[in-house]
Amino acid sequence: MCDPKKRKAIELHAEDHTVAHYEKAGWTVEKLDKPYDLRCTRGTEEHHVEVKGATGAATSVELTINEVLHARDQGRAGPCGPGR
């Protein structure tokens, strides 16, 4: 998608959806942006969440090298989104 305004709107919608998902499950959510979008905590658990938005069926997701390295450093990574 080339239109930066549309891309940003899609990302914000996906972030709002993800925040609502975690908060409904009893997590406290902090918006960060870097090095990942959300820090979600519940008791002693902590998830670092990188949100990706898409229109239609997302058959692939692009990650930056920093997003990949952070996920590797944390020792876990996985999809989160509608239907997951």
C-alpha atoms as a PDB file:
ATOM      1  CA  MET A   1       0.000   0.000   0.000  1.00  0.00           C
ATOM      2  CA  CYS A   2       1.484   3.305  -1.084  1.00  0.00           C
ATOM      3  CA  ASP A   3      -0.750   5.883   0.618  1.00  0.00           C
ATOM      4  CA  PRO A   4       0.953   6.755   3.936  1.00  0.00           C
ATOM      5  CA  LYS A   5      -2.291   8.080   5.492  1.00  0.00           C
ATOM      6  CA  LYS A   6      -4.151   4.846   4.706  1.00  0.00           C
ATOM      7  CA  ARG A   7      -1.247   2.719   5.921  1.00  0.00           C
ATOM      8  CA  LYS A   8      -1.124   4.662   9.210  1.00  0.00           C
ATOM      9  CA  ALA A   9      -4.917   4.382   9.672  1.00  0.00           C
ATOM     10  CA  ILE A  10      -4.736   0.606   9.140  1.00  0.00           C
ATOM     11  CA  GLU A  11      -1.862   0.295  11.626  1.00  0.00           C
ATOM     12  CA  LEU A  12      -3.726   2.359  14.247  1.00  0.00           C
ATOM     13  CA  HIS A  13      -6.874   0.270  13.799  1.00  0.00           C
ATOM     14  CA  ALA A  14      -4.842  -2.927  14.209  1.00  0.00           C
ATOM     15  CA  GLU A  15      -3.162  -1.495  17.312  1.00  0.00           C
ATOM     16  CA  ASP A  16      -6.515  -0.511  18.859  1.00  0.00           C
ATOM     17  CA  HIS A  17      -7.838  -4.021  18.162  1.00  0.00           C
ATOM     18  CA  THR A  18      -4.757  -5.596  19.753  1.00  0.00           C
ATOM     19  CA  VAL A  19      -4.915  -3.337  22.838  1.00  0.00           C
ATOM     20  CA  ALA A  20      -8.594  -4.228  23.317  1.00  0.00           C
ATOM     21  CA  HIS A  21      -7.773  -7.939  22.969  1.00  0.00           C
ATOM     22  CA  TYR A  22      -5.072  -7.827  25.655  1.00  0.00           C
ATOM     23  CA  GLU A  23      -7.029  -5.579  28.022  1.00  0.00           C
ATOM     24  CA  LYS A  24     -10.082  -7.853  27.775  1.00  0.00           C
ATOM     25  CA  ALA A  25      -7.832 -10.727  28.848  1.00  0.00           C
ATOM     26  CA  GLY A  26      -6.695  -8.777  31.945  1.00  0.00           C
ATOM     27  CA  TRP A  27      -3.411  -7.370  30.667  1.00  0.00           C
ATOM     28  CA  THR A  28      -2.078  -3.863  31.283  1.00  0.00           C
ATOM     29  CA  VAL A  29      -0.977  -2.351  27.977  1.00  0.00           C
ATOM     30  CA  GLU A  30       1.631   0.362  27.465  1.00  0.00           C
ATOM     31  CA  LYS A  31       2.112   1.887  23.994  1.00  0.00           C
ATOM     32  CA  LEU A  32       5.808   2.311  23.163  1.00  0.00           C
ATOM     33  CA  ASP A  33       6.436   2.373  19.378  1.00  0.00           C
ATOM     34  CA  LYS A  34      10.132   1.390  19.625  1.00  0.00           C
ATOM     35  CA  PRO A  35      11.651  -1.204  19.791  1.00  0.00           C
ATOM     36  CA  TYR A  36       8.155  -2.755  19.663  1.00  0.00           C
ATOM     37  CA  ASP A  37       4.637  -1.340  19.680  1.00  0.00           C
ATOM     38  CA  LEU A  38       3.123  -2.591  22.946  1.00  0.00           C
ATOM     39  CA  ARG A  39       4.369  -3.823  26.315  1.00  0.00           C
ATOM     40  CA  CYS A  40       1.682  -6.006  27.853  1.00  0.00           C
ATOM     41  CA  THR A  41       1.985  -7.125  31.470  1.00  0.00           C
ATOM     42  CA  ARG A  42      -0.145  -9.350  33.665  1.00  0.00           C
ATOM     43  CA  GLY A  43       1.326 -10.344  37.004  1.00  0.00           C
ATOM     44  CA  THR A  44       4.846 -11.574  36.262  1.00  0.00           C
ATOM     45  CA  GLU A  45       4.139 -12.172  32.563  1.00  0.00           C
ATOM     46  CA  GLU A  46       5.337  -9.680  29.969  1.00  0.00           C
ATOM     47  CA  HIS A  47       4.697  -9.710  26.221  1.00  0.00           C
ATOM     48  CA  HIS A  48       6.397  -7.418  23.726  1.00  0.00           C
ATOM     49  CA  VAL A  49       3.982  -6.977  20.820  1.00  0.00           C
ATOM     50  CA  GLU A  50       4.731  -5.716  17.322  1.00  0.00           C
ATOM     51  CA  VAL A  51       1.421  -4.867  15.634  1.00  0.00           C
ATOM     52  CA  LYS A  52       0.971  -5.283  11.881  1.00  0.00           C
ATOM     53  CA  GLY A  53      -2.213  -4.232  10.111  1.00  0.00           C
ATOM     54  CA  ALA A  54      -3.505  -5.466   6.775  1.00  0.00           C
ATOM     55  CA  THR A  55      -6.501  -5.217   4.518  1.00  0.00           C
ATOM     56  CA  GLY A  56      -7.861  -8.466   3.170  1.00  0.00           C
ATOM     57  CA  ALA A  57      -6.117 -11.773   3.748  1.00  0.00           C
ATOM     58  CA  ALA A  58      -2.568 -11.261   5.003  1.00  0.00           C
ATOM     59  CA  THR A  59      -0.514 -14.013   3.389  1.00  0.00           C
ATOM     60  CA  SER A  60       2.781 -12.545   4.575  1.00  0.00           C
ATOM     61  CA  VAL A  61       3.997  -9.893   7.012  1.00  0.00           C
ATOM     62  CA  GLU A  62       7.059  -7.723   6.528  1.00  0.00           C
ATOM     63  CA  LEU A  63       9.322  -7.229   9.550  1.00  0.00           C
ATOM     64  CA  THR A  64      12.324  -4.986   9.956  1.00  0.00           C
ATOM     65  CA  ILE A  65      15.626  -6.541  10.951  1.00  0.00           C
ATOM     66  CA  ASN A  66      15.294  -4.865  14.374  1.00  0.00           C
ATOM     67  CA  GLU A  67      11.867  -6.457  14.902  1.00  0.00           C
ATOM     68  CA  VAL A  68      13.307  -9.877  14.060  1.00  0.00           C
ATOM     69  CA  LEU A  69      16.332  -9.410  16.323  1.00  0.00           C
ATOM     70  CA  HIS A  70      14.178  -8.258  19.241  1.00  0.00           C
ATOM     71  CA  ALA A  71      11.884 -11.284  18.870  1.00  0.00           C
ATOM     72  CA  ARG A  72      14.918 -13.587  18.786  1.00  0.00           C
ATOM     73  CA  ASP A  73      16.403 -11.916  21.873  1.00  0.00           C
ATOM     74  CA  GLN A  74      13.115 -12.450  23.741  1.00  0.00           C
ATOM     75  CA  GLY A  75      13.103 -16.136  22.784  1.00  0.00           C
ATOM     76  CA  ARG A  76       9.506 -16.101  21.583  1.00  0.00           C
ATOM     77  CA  ALA A  77       7.402 -14.678  18.816  1.00  0.00           C
ATOM     78  CA  GLY A  78       4.060 -15.481  17.285  1.00  0.00           C
ATOM     79  CA  PRO A  79       1.093 -14.062  15.453  1.00  0.00           C
ATOM     80  CA  CYS A  80      -1.654 -12.120  17.136  1.00  0.00           C
ATOM     81  CA  GLY A  81      -4.683 -10.835  15.339  1.00  0.00           C
ATOM     82  CA  PRO A  82      -8.244 -11.497  14.357  1.00  0.00           C
ATOM     83  CA  GLY A  83      -8.765 -15.225  14.077  1.00  0.00           C
ATOM     84  CA  ARG A  84      -5.546 -16.095  15.931  1.00  0.00           C
END
